[in-house]
Amino acid sequence: MTTLTFDNRVVNREVDFCKVYTLESKEKLEKVLLQNRISYFIEWQERSWLSRTFGSDKQKNIFTIRINEADVERASDLIRGIESVKIKNMNED
């Protein structure tokens, strides 16, 4: 049996890339990322019952898309123009 040994380097370099506010935009974004072989993770934000009931339609679905930090620049260029997508400013903390 072979044993794999890893040092203390950080392997997972995933960052919050953008927020998506509609299901249609999420599907378009997924298609673009898949076609360009960019790995991603989608986090569906849970909202309170009051927020879902009395909030605006734009806030019905909120998704946070996470990608590898090495793909941020290329992904930003690819998704420009997709409605209801807000790219996170990578200089923010």
PDB file of N, CA and C in Angstrom:
ATOM      1  N   MET A   1       0.847  -1.178   0.000  1.00  0.00           N
ATOM      2  CA  MET A   1       0.000   0.000   0.000  1.00  0.00           C
ATOM      3  C   MET A   1       0.893   1.242   0.000  1.00  0.00           C
ATOM      4  N   THR A   2       0.556   2.213  -0.814  1.00  0.00           N
ATOM      5  CA  THR A   2       1.324   3.447  -0.926  1.00  0.00           C
ATOM      6  C   THR A   2       0.719   4.515  -0.031  1.00  0.00           C
ATOM      7  N   THR A   3       1.575   5.233   0.650  1.00  0.00           N
ATOM      8  CA  THR A   3       1.136   6.321   1.514  1.00  0.00           C
ATOM      9  C   THR A   3       1.514   7.650   0.874  1.00  0.00           C
ATOM     10  N   LEU A   4       0.569   8.545   0.800  1.00  0.00           N
ATOM     11  CA  LEU A   4       0.824   9.885   0.267  1.00  0.00           C
ATOM     12  C   LEU A   4       1.110  10.834   1.420  1.00  0.00           C
ATOM     13  N   THR A   5       2.164  11.604   1.281  1.00  0.00           N
ATOM     14  CA  THR A   5       2.523  12.562   2.313  1.00  0.00           C
ATOM     15  C   THR A   5       2.431  13.971   1.730  1.00  0.00           C
ATOM     16  N   PHE A   6       1.773  14.844   2.448  1.00  0.00           N
ATOM     17  CA  PHE A   6       1.619  16.236   2.014  1.00  0.00           C
ATOM     18  C   PHE A   6       2.288  17.146   3.025  1.00  0.00           C
ATOM     19  N   ASP A   7       2.872  18.228   2.527  1.00  0.00           N
ATOM     20  CA  ASP A   7       3.416  19.210   3.458  1.00  0.00           C
ATOM     21  C   ASP A   7       2.298  20.172   3.849  1.00  0.00           C
ATOM     22  N   ASN A   8       2.617  21.262   4.501  1.00  0.00           N
ATOM     23  CA  ASN A   8       1.596  22.179   5.028  1.00  0.00           C
ATOM     24  C   ASN A   8       1.159  23.246   4.043  1.00  0.00           C
ATOM     25  N   ARG A   9       1.379  23.048   2.761  1.00  0.00           N
ATOM     26  CA  ARG A   9       0.947  24.032   1.771  1.00  0.00           C
ATOM     27  C   ARG A   9      -0.576  24.065   1.675  1.00  0.00           C
ATOM     28  N   VAL A  10      -1.097  25.232   1.363  1.00  0.00           N
ATOM     29  CA  VAL A  10      -2.538  25.376   1.167  1.00  0.00           C
ATOM     30  C   VAL A  10      -2.855  24.952  -0.258  1.00  0.00           C
ATOM     31  N   VAL A  11      -3.738  23.979  -0.400  1.00  0.00           N
ATOM     32  CA  VAL A  11      -4.094  23.477  -1.722  1.00  0.00           C
ATOM     33  C   VAL A  11      -5.370  24.136  -2.222  1.00  0.00           C
ATOM     34  N   ASN A  12      -6.321  24.318  -1.355  1.00  0.00           N
ATOM     35  CA  ASN A  12      -7.601  24.890  -1.733  1.00  0.00           C
ATOM     36  C   ASN A  12      -7.501  26.411  -1.766  1.00  0.00           C
ATOM     37  N   ARG A  13      -7.489  27.000  -2.940  1.00  0.00           N
ATOM     38  CA  ARG A  13      -7.363  28.450  -3.098  1.00  0.00           C
ATOM     39  C   ARG A  13      -8.666  29.021  -3.650  1.00  0.00           C
ATOM     40  N   GLU A  14      -9.780  28.584  -3.101  1.00  0.00           N
ATOM     41  CA  GLU A  14     -11.099  28.992  -3.552  1.00  0.00           C
ATOM     42  C   GLU A  14     -11.447  30.367  -2.989  1.00  0.00           C
ATOM     43  N   VAL A  15     -12.042  31.221  -3.837  1.00  0.00           N
ATOM     44  CA  VAL A  15     -12.444  32.559  -3.406  1.00  0.00           C
ATOM     45  C   VAL A  15     -13.889  32.818  -3.834  1.00  0.00           C
ATOM     46  N   ASP A  16     -14.565  33.700  -3.088  1.00  0.00           N
ATOM     47  CA  ASP A  16     -15.894  34.151  -3.506  1.00  0.00           C
ATOM     48  C   ASP A  16     -15.706  34.973  -4.764  1.00  0.00           C
ATOM     49  N   PHE A  17     -16.302  34.537  -5.858  1.00  0.00           N
ATOM     50  CA  PHE A  17     -16.117  35.211  -7.140  1.00  0.00           C
ATOM     51  C   PHE A  17     -17.243  36.198  -7.443  1.00  0.00           C
ATOM     52  N   CYS A  18     -18.489  35.745  -7.298  1.00  0.00           N
ATOM     53  CA  CYS A  18     -19.608  36.625  -7.618  1.00  0.00           C
ATOM     54  C   CYS A  18     -20.876  36.168  -6.915  1.00  0.00           C
ATOM     55  N   LYS A  19     -21.872  37.033  -6.979  1.00  0.00           N
ATOM     56  CA  LYS A  19     -23.210  36.694  -6.504  1.00  0.00           C
ATOM     57  C   LYS A  19     -24.137  36.727  -7.709  1.00  0.00           C
ATOM     58  N   VAL A  20     -25.060  35.781  -7.751  1.00  0.00           N
ATOM     59  CA  VAL A  20     -26.016  35.677  -8.843  1.00  0.00           C
ATOM     60  C   VAL A  20     -27.413  35.758  -8.237  1.00  0.00           C
ATOM     61  N   TYR A  21     -28.296  36.532  -8.890  1.00  0.00           N
ATOM     62  CA  TYR A  21     -29.597  36.818  -8.292  1.00  0.00           C
ATOM     63  C   TYR A  21     -30.784  36.180  -8.997  1.00  0.00           C
ATOM     64  N   THR A  22     -30.577  35.507 -10.119  1.00  0.00           N
ATOM     65  CA  THR A  22     -31.685  34.813 -10.769  1.00  0.00           C
ATOM     66  C   THR A  22     -31.236  33.420 -11.203  1.00  0.00           C
ATOM     67  N   LEU A  23     -32.186  32.524 -11.279  1.00  0.00           N
ATOM     68  CA  LEU A  23     -31.899  31.147 -11.687  1.00  0.00           C
ATOM     69  C   LEU A  23     -31.426  31.093 -13.133  1.00  0.00           C
ATOM     70  N   GLU A  24     -32.007  31.916 -13.993  1.00  0.00           N
ATOM     71  CA  GLU A  24     -31.603  31.935 -15.407  1.00  0.00           C
ATOM     72  C   GLU A  24     -30.152  32.380 -15.559  1.00  0.00           C
ATOM     73  N   SER A  25     -29.766  33.409 -14.825  1.00  0.00           N
ATOM     74  CA  SER A  25     -28.385  33.891 -14.880  1.00  0.00           C
ATOM     75  C   SER A  25     -27.421  32.850 -14.323  1.00  0.00           C
ATOM     76  N   LYS A  26     -27.843  32.139 -13.281  1.00  0.00           N
ATOM     77  CA  LYS A  26     -27.003  31.085 -12.711  1.00  0.00           C
ATOM     78  C   LYS A  26     -26.747  29.994 -13.739  1.00  0.00           C
ATOM     79  N   GLU A  27     -27.775  29.617 -14.475  1.00  0.00           N
ATOM     80  CA  GLU A  27     -27.625  28.582 -15.495  1.00  0.00           C
ATOM     81  C   GLU A  27     -26.702  29.043 -16.627  1.00  0.00           C
ATOM     82  N   LYS A  28     -26.825  30.307 -17.051  1.00  0.00           N
ATOM     83  CA  LYS A  28     -25.926  30.849 -18.080  1.00  0.00           C
ATOM     84  C   LYS A  28     -24.486  30.851 -17.588  1.00  0.00           C
ATOM     85  N   LEU A  29     -24.294  31.288 -16.355  1.00  0.00           N
ATOM     86  CA  LEU A  29     -22.965  31.342 -15.773  1.00  0.00           C
ATOM     87  C   LEU A  29     -22.344  29.946 -15.683  1.00  0.00           C
ATOM     88  N   GLU A  30     -23.129  28.986 -15.230  1.00  0.00           N
ATOM     89  CA  GLU A  30     -22.640  27.607 -15.146  1.00  0.00           C
ATOM     90  C   GLU A  30     -22.201  27.091 -16.515  1.00  0.00           C
ATOM     91  N   LYS A  31     -22.986  27.373 -17.524  1.00  0.00           N
ATOM     92  CA  LYS A  31     -22.671  26.917 -18.879  1.00  0.00           C
ATOM     93  C   LYS A  31     -21.341  27.512 -19.360  1.00  0.00           C
ATOM     94  N   VAL A  32     -21.148  28.813 -19.132  1.00  0.00           N
ATOM     95  CA  VAL A  32     -19.912  29.481 -19.550  1.00  0.00           C
ATOM     96  C   VAL A  32     -18.714  28.891 -18.799  1.00  0.00           C
ATOM     97  N   LEU A  33     -18.849  28.702 -17.493  1.00  0.00           N
ATOM     98  CA  LEU A  33     -17.740  28.165 -16.706  1.00  0.00           C
ATOM     99  C   LEU A  33     -17.403  26.735 -17.137  1.00  0.00           C
ATOM    100  N   LEU A  34     -18.424  25.917 -17.367  1.00  0.00           N
ATOM    101  CA  LEU A  34     -18.179  24.540 -17.797  1.00  0.00           C
ATOM    102  C   LEU A  34     -17.525  24.485 -19.169  1.00  0.00           C
ATOM    103  N   GLN A  35     -17.993  25.303 -20.111  1.00  0.00           N
ATOM    104  CA  GLN A  35     -17.418  25.314 -21.457  1.00  0.00           C
ATOM    105  C   GLN A  35     -15.952  25.714 -21.449  1.00  0.00           C
ATOM    106  N   ASN A  36     -15.562  26.506 -20.459  1.00  0.00           N
ATOM    107  CA  ASN A  36     -14.185  26.991 -20.376  1.00  0.00           C
ATOM    108  C   ASN A  36     -13.367  26.251 -19.315  1.00  0.00           C
ATOM    109  N   ARG A  37     -13.892  25.147 -18.845  1.00  0.00           N
ATOM    110  CA  ARG A  37     -13.205  24.260 -17.887  1.00  0.00           C
ATOM    111  C   ARG A  37     -12.744  24.992 -16.632  1.00  0.00           C
ATOM    112  N   ILE A  38     -13.644  25.798 -16.086  1.00  0.00           N
ATOM    113  CA  ILE A  38     -13.369  26.488 -14.831  1.00  0.00           C
ATOM    114  C   ILE A  38     -14.201  25.807 -13.744  1.00  0.00           C
ATOM    115  N   SER A  39     -13.514  25.262 -12.771  1.00  0.00           N
ATOM    116  CA  SER A  39     -14.167  24.575 -11.668  1.00  0.00           C
ATOM    117  C   SER A  39     -14.852  25.605 -10.765  1.00  0.00           C
ATOM    118  N   TYR A  40     -16.030  25.265 -10.256  1.00  0.00           N
ATOM    119  CA  TYR A  40     -16.771  26.209  -9.424  1.00  0.00           C
ATOM    120  C   TYR A  40     -17.576  25.484  -8.361  1.00  0.00           C
ATOM    121  N   PHE A  41     -18.021  26.229  -7.367  1.00  0.00           N
ATOM    122  CA  PHE A  41     -18.886  25.733  -6.301  1.00  0.00           C
ATOM    123  C   PHE A  41     -19.993  26.756  -6.116  1.00  0.00           C
ATOM    124  N   ILE A  42     -21.225  26.288  -6.004  1.00  0.00           N
ATOM    125  CA  ILE A  42     -22.367  27.190  -5.831  1.00  0.00           C
ATOM    126  C   ILE A  42     -22.921  27.034  -4.422  1.00  0.00           C
ATOM    127  N   GLU A  43     -23.031  28.160  -3.736  1.00  0.00           N
ATOM    128  CA  GLU A  43     -23.617  28.179  -2.398  1.00  0.00           C
ATOM    129  C   GLU A  43     -24.937  28.938  -2.467  1.00  0.00           C
ATOM    130  N   TRP A  44     -26.017  28.266  -2.135  1.00  0.00           N
ATOM    131  CA  TRP A  44     -27.342  28.859  -2.154  1.00  0.00           C
ATOM    132  C   TRP A  44     -27.576  29.499  -0.790  1.00  0.00           C
ATOM    133  N   GLN A  45     -27.798  30.809  -0.759  1.00  0.00           N
ATOM    134  CA  GLN A  45     -27.990  31.493   0.509  1.00  0.00           C
ATOM    135  C   GLN A  45     -29.400  31.260   1.036  1.00  0.00           C
ATOM    136  N   GLU A  46     -29.455  30.838   2.273  1.00  0.00           N
ATOM    137  CA  GLU A  46     -30.738  30.657   2.939  1.00  0.00           C
ATOM    138  C   GLU A  46     -31.248  32.015   3.416  1.00  0.00           C
ATOM    139  N   ARG A  47     -32.539  32.204   3.287  1.00  0.00           N
ATOM    140  CA  ARG A  47     -33.150  33.462   3.734  1.00  0.00           C
ATOM    141  C   ARG A  47     -34.273  33.150   4.706  1.00  0.00           C
ATOM    142  N   SER A  48     -34.539  34.079   5.581  1.00  0.00           N
ATOM    143  CA  SER A  48     -35.596  33.896   6.563  1.00  0.00           C
ATOM    144  C   SER A  48     -36.968  33.904   5.881  1.00  0.00           C
ATOM    145  N   TRP A  49     -37.940  33.364   6.560  1.00  0.00           N
ATOM    146  CA  TRP A  49     -39.296  33.328   6.035  1.00  0.00           C
ATOM    147  C   TRP A  49     -39.803  34.742   5.746  1.00  0.00           C
ATOM    148  N   LEU A  50     -39.558  35.683   6.648  1.00  0.00           N
ATOM    149  CA  LEU A  50     -40.005  37.071   6.453  1.00  0.00           C
ATOM    150  C   LEU A  50     -39.345  37.689   5.220  1.00  0.00           C
ATOM    151  N   SER A  51     -38.075  37.426   5.041  1.00  0.00           N
ATOM    152  CA  SER A  51     -37.360  37.964   3.887  1.00  0.00           C
ATOM    153  C   SER A  51     -37.906  37.386   2.583  1.00  0.00           C
ATOM    154  N   ARG A  52     -38.193  36.090   2.573  1.00  0.00           N
ATOM    155  CA  ARG A  52     -38.760  35.467   1.371  1.00  0.00           C
ATOM    156  C   ARG A  52     -40.168  35.973   1.093  1.00  0.00           C
ATOM    157  N   THR A  53     -40.947  36.204   2.136  1.00  0.00           N
ATOM    158  CA  THR A  53     -42.333  36.626   1.982  1.00  0.00           C
ATOM    159  C   THR A  53     -42.453  38.093   1.585  1.00  0.00           C
ATOM    160  N   PHE A  54     -41.703  38.958   2.245  1.00  0.00           N
ATOM    161  CA  PHE A  54     -41.862  40.393   2.040  1.00  0.00           C
ATOM    162  C   PHE A  54     -40.734  41.035   1.244  1.00  0.00           C
ATOM    163  N   GLY A  55     -39.729  40.281   0.851  1.00  0.00           N
ATOM    164  CA  GLY A  55     -38.610  40.816   0.085  1.00  0.00           C
ATOM    165  C   GLY A  55     -38.996  41.027  -1.373  1.00  0.00           C
ATOM    166  N   SER A  56     -38.118  41.689  -2.095  1.00  0.00           N
ATOM    167  CA  SER A  56     -38.387  41.928  -3.515  1.00  0.00           C
ATOM    168  C   SER A  56     -38.112  40.662  -4.325  1.00  0.00           C
ATOM    169  N   ASP A  57     -38.648  40.595  -5.550  1.00  0.00           N
ATOM    170  CA  ASP A  57     -38.454  39.431  -6.410  1.00  0.00           C
ATOM    171  C   ASP A  57     -36.988  39.210  -6.750  1.00  0.00           C
ATOM    172  N   LYS A  58     -36.212  40.296  -6.855  1.00  0.00           N
ATOM    173  CA  LYS A  58     -34.796  40.176  -7.196  1.00  0.00           C
ATOM    174  C   LYS A  58     -34.045  39.356  -6.149  1.00  0.00           C
ATOM    175  N   GLN A  59     -34.526  39.364  -4.929  1.00  0.00           N
ATOM    176  CA  GLN A  59     -33.839  38.673  -3.857  1.00  0.00           C
ATOM    177  C   GLN A  59     -34.378  37.260  -3.613  1.00  0.00           C
ATOM    178  N   LYS A  60     -35.235  36.745  -4.473  1.00  0.00           N
ATOM    179  CA  LYS A  60     -35.784  35.411  -4.263  1.00  0.00           C
ATOM    180  C   LYS A  60     -34.692  34.344  -4.274  1.00  0.00           C
ATOM    181  N   ASN A  61     -33.754  34.438  -5.211  1.00  0.00           N
ATOM    182  CA  ASN A  61     -32.644  33.490  -5.292  1.00  0.00           C
ATOM    183  C   ASN A  61     -31.335  34.259  -5.225  1.00  0.00           C
ATOM    184  N   ILE A  62     -30.499  33.895  -4.289  1.00  0.00           N
ATOM    185  CA  ILE A  62     -29.175  34.496  -4.209  1.00  0.00           C
ATOM    186  C   ILE A  62     -28.173  33.351  -4.111  1.00  0.00           C
ATOM    187  N   PHE A  63     -27.262  33.323  -5.075  1.00  0.00           N
ATOM    188  CA  PHE A  63     -26.243  32.285  -5.112  1.00  0.00           C
ATOM    189  C   PHE A  63     -24.875  32.939  -5.017  1.00  0.00           C
ATOM    190  N   THR A  64     -23.966  32.339  -4.266  1.00  0.00           N
ATOM    191  CA  THR A  64     -22.578  32.778  -4.232  1.00  0.00           C
ATOM    192  C   THR A  64     -21.772  31.750  -5.006  1.00  0.00           C
ATOM    193  N   ILE A  65     -21.021  32.205  -5.997  1.00  0.00           N
ATOM    194  CA  ILE A  65     -20.197  31.324  -6.822  1.00  0.00           C
ATOM    195  C   ILE A  65     -18.757  31.449  -6.350  1.00  0.00           C
ATOM    196  N   ARG A  66     -18.140  30.310  -6.068  1.00  0.00           N
ATOM    197  CA  ARG A  66     -16.744  30.265  -5.636  1.00  0.00           C
ATOM    198  C   ARG A  66     -15.920  29.558  -6.700  1.00  0.00           C
ATOM    199  N   ILE A  67     -14.756  30.140  -7.038  1.00  0.00           N
ATOM    200  CA  ILE A  67     -13.853  29.528  -8.011  1.00  0.00           C
ATOM    201  C   ILE A  67     -12.421  29.612  -7.486  1.00  0.00           C
ATOM    202  N   ASN A  68     -11.505  28.924  -8.155  1.00  0.00           N
ATOM    203  CA  ASN A  68     -10.092  28.989  -7.801  1.00  0.00           C
ATOM    204  C   ASN A  68      -9.573  30.384  -8.121  1.00  0.00           C
ATOM    205  N   GLU A  69      -8.740  30.912  -7.233  1.00  0.00           N
ATOM    206  CA  GLU A  69      -8.250  32.281  -7.423  1.00  0.00           C
ATOM    207  C   GLU A  69      -7.439  32.448  -8.704  1.00  0.00           C
ATOM    208  N   ALA A  70      -6.869  31.373  -9.229  1.00  0.00           N
ATOM    209  CA  ALA A  70      -6.092  31.463 -10.469  1.00  0.00           C
ATOM    210  C   ALA A  70      -6.983  31.713 -11.684  1.00  0.00           C
ATOM    211  N   ASP A  71      -8.293  31.416 -11.581  1.00  0.00           N
ATOM    212  CA  ASP A  71      -9.218  31.566 -12.702  1.00  0.00           C
ATOM    213  C   ASP A  71     -10.032  32.848 -12.666  1.00  0.00           C
ATOM    214  N   VAL A  72      -9.823  33.699 -11.670  1.00  0.00           N
ATOM    215  CA  VAL A  72     -10.659  34.884 -11.480  1.00  0.00           C
ATOM    216  C   VAL A  72     -10.609  35.831 -12.678  1.00  0.00           C
ATOM    217  N   GLU A  73      -9.433  36.159 -13.146  1.00  0.00           N
ATOM    218  CA  GLU A  73      -9.318  37.121 -14.250  1.00  0.00           C
ATOM    219  C   GLU A  73      -9.977  36.594 -15.522  1.00  0.00           C
ATOM    220  N   ARG A  74      -9.708  35.344 -15.850  1.00  0.00           N
ATOM    221  CA  ARG A  74     -10.288  34.753 -17.066  1.00  0.00           C
ATOM    222  C   ARG A  74     -11.807  34.651 -16.943  1.00  0.00           C
ATOM    223  N   ALA A  75     -12.308  34.232 -15.790  1.00  0.00           N
ATOM    224  CA  ALA A  75     -13.750  34.108 -15.588  1.00  0.00           C
ATOM    225  C   ALA A  75     -14.437  35.471 -15.644  1.00  0.00           C
ATOM    226  N   SER A  76     -13.780  36.498 -15.122  1.00  0.00           N
ATOM    227  CA  SER A  76     -14.355  37.852 -15.156  1.00  0.00           C
ATOM    228  C   SER A  76     -14.584  38.299 -16.589  1.00  0.00           C
ATOM    229  N   ASP A  77     -13.618  38.036 -17.452  1.00  0.00           N
ATOM    230  CA  ASP A  77     -13.759  38.405 -18.861  1.00  0.00           C
ATOM    231  C   ASP A  77     -14.873  37.617 -19.537  1.00  0.00           C
ATOM    232  N   LEU A  78     -15.032  36.359 -19.168  1.00  0.00           N
ATOM    233  CA  LEU A  78     -16.014  35.487 -19.819  1.00  0.00           C
ATOM    234  C   LEU A  78     -17.464  35.822 -19.453  1.00  0.00           C
ATOM    235  N   ILE A  79     -17.687  36.282 -18.232  1.00  0.00           N
ATOM    236  CA  ILE A  79     -19.084  36.461 -17.798  1.00  0.00           C
ATOM    237  C   ILE A  79     -19.584  37.892 -17.903  1.00  0.00           C
ATOM    238  N   ARG A  80     -18.770  38.798 -18.385  1.00  0.00           N
ATOM    239  CA  ARG A  80     -19.251  40.179 -18.544  1.00  0.00           C
ATOM    240  C   ARG A  80     -20.496  40.181 -19.429  1.00  0.00           C
ATOM    241  N   GLY A  81     -21.498  40.919 -19.014  1.00  0.00           N
ATOM    242  CA  GLY A  81     -22.715  41.029 -19.799  1.00  0.00           C
ATOM    243  C   GLY A  81     -23.839  40.109 -19.359  1.00  0.00           C
ATOM    244  N   ILE A  82     -23.563  39.158 -18.479  1.00  0.00           N
ATOM    245  CA  ILE A  82     -24.652  38.306 -17.979  1.00  0.00           C
ATOM    246  C   ILE A  82     -25.397  39.106 -16.920  1.00  0.00           C
ATOM    247  N   GLU A  83     -26.702  39.243 -17.118  1.00  0.00           N
ATOM    248  CA  GLU A  83     -27.524  40.029 -16.202  1.00  0.00           C
ATOM    249  C   GLU A  83     -27.635  39.357 -14.842  1.00  0.00           C
ATOM    250  N   SER A  84     -27.882  40.144 -13.823  1.00  0.00           N
ATOM    251  CA  SER A  84     -28.093  39.691 -12.448  1.00  0.00           C
ATOM    252  C   SER A  84     -26.888  38.978 -11.851  1.00  0.00           C
ATOM    253  N   VAL A  85     -25.693  39.312 -12.330  1.00  0.00           N
ATOM    254  CA  VAL A  85     -24.453  38.764 -11.781  1.00  0.00           C
ATOM    255  C   VAL A  85     -23.601  39.931 -11.307  1.00  0.00           C
ATOM    256  N   LYS A  86     -23.186  39.889 -10.056  1.00  0.00           N
ATOM    257  CA  LYS A  86     -22.347  40.951  -9.496  1.00  0.00           C
ATOM    258  C   LYS A  86     -21.017  40.327  -9.101  1.00  0.00           C
ATOM    259  N   ILE A  87     -19.947  40.702  -9.822  1.00  0.00           N
ATOM    260  CA  ILE A  87     -18.617  40.191  -9.534  1.00  0.00           C
ATOM    261  C   ILE A  87     -18.102  40.857  -8.282  1.00  0.00           C
ATOM    262  N   LYS A  88     -17.554  40.056  -7.379  1.00  0.00           N
ATOM    263  CA  LYS A  88     -17.022  40.579  -6.114  1.00  0.00           C
ATOM    264  C   LYS A  88     -15.697  41.263  -6.386  1.00  0.00           C
ATOM    265  N   ASN A  89     -15.478  42.387  -5.736  1.00  0.00           N
ATOM    266  CA  ASN A  89     -14.207  43.086  -5.826  1.00  0.00           C
ATOM    267  C   ASN A  89     -13.189  42.291  -5.042  1.00  0.00           C
ATOM    268  N   MET A  90     -12.176  41.755  -5.705  1.00  0.00           N
ATOM    269  CA  MET A  90     -11.214  40.878  -5.054  1.00  0.00           C
ATOM    270  C   MET A  90     -10.294  41.614  -4.088  1.00  0.00           C
ATOM    271  N   ASN A  91     -10.311  42.935  -4.093  1.00  0.00           N
ATOM    272  CA  ASN A  91      -9.494  43.716  -3.151  1.00  0.00           C
ATOM    273  C   ASN A  91     -10.186  43.891  -1.812  1.00  0.00           C
ATOM    274  N   GLU A  92     -11.489  43.522  -1.741  1.00  0.00           N
ATOM    275  CA  GLU A  92     -12.228  43.627  -0.477  1.00  0.00           C
ATOM    276  C   GLU A  92     -11.845  42.487   0.424  1.00  0.00           C
ATOM    277  N   ASP A  93     -11.978  42.655   1.708  1.00  0.00           N
ATOM    278  CA  ASP A  93     -11.761  41.577   2.671  1.00  0.00           C
ATOM    279  C   ASP A  93     -13.009  41.301   3.437  1.00  0.00           C
TER     280      ASP A  93
END
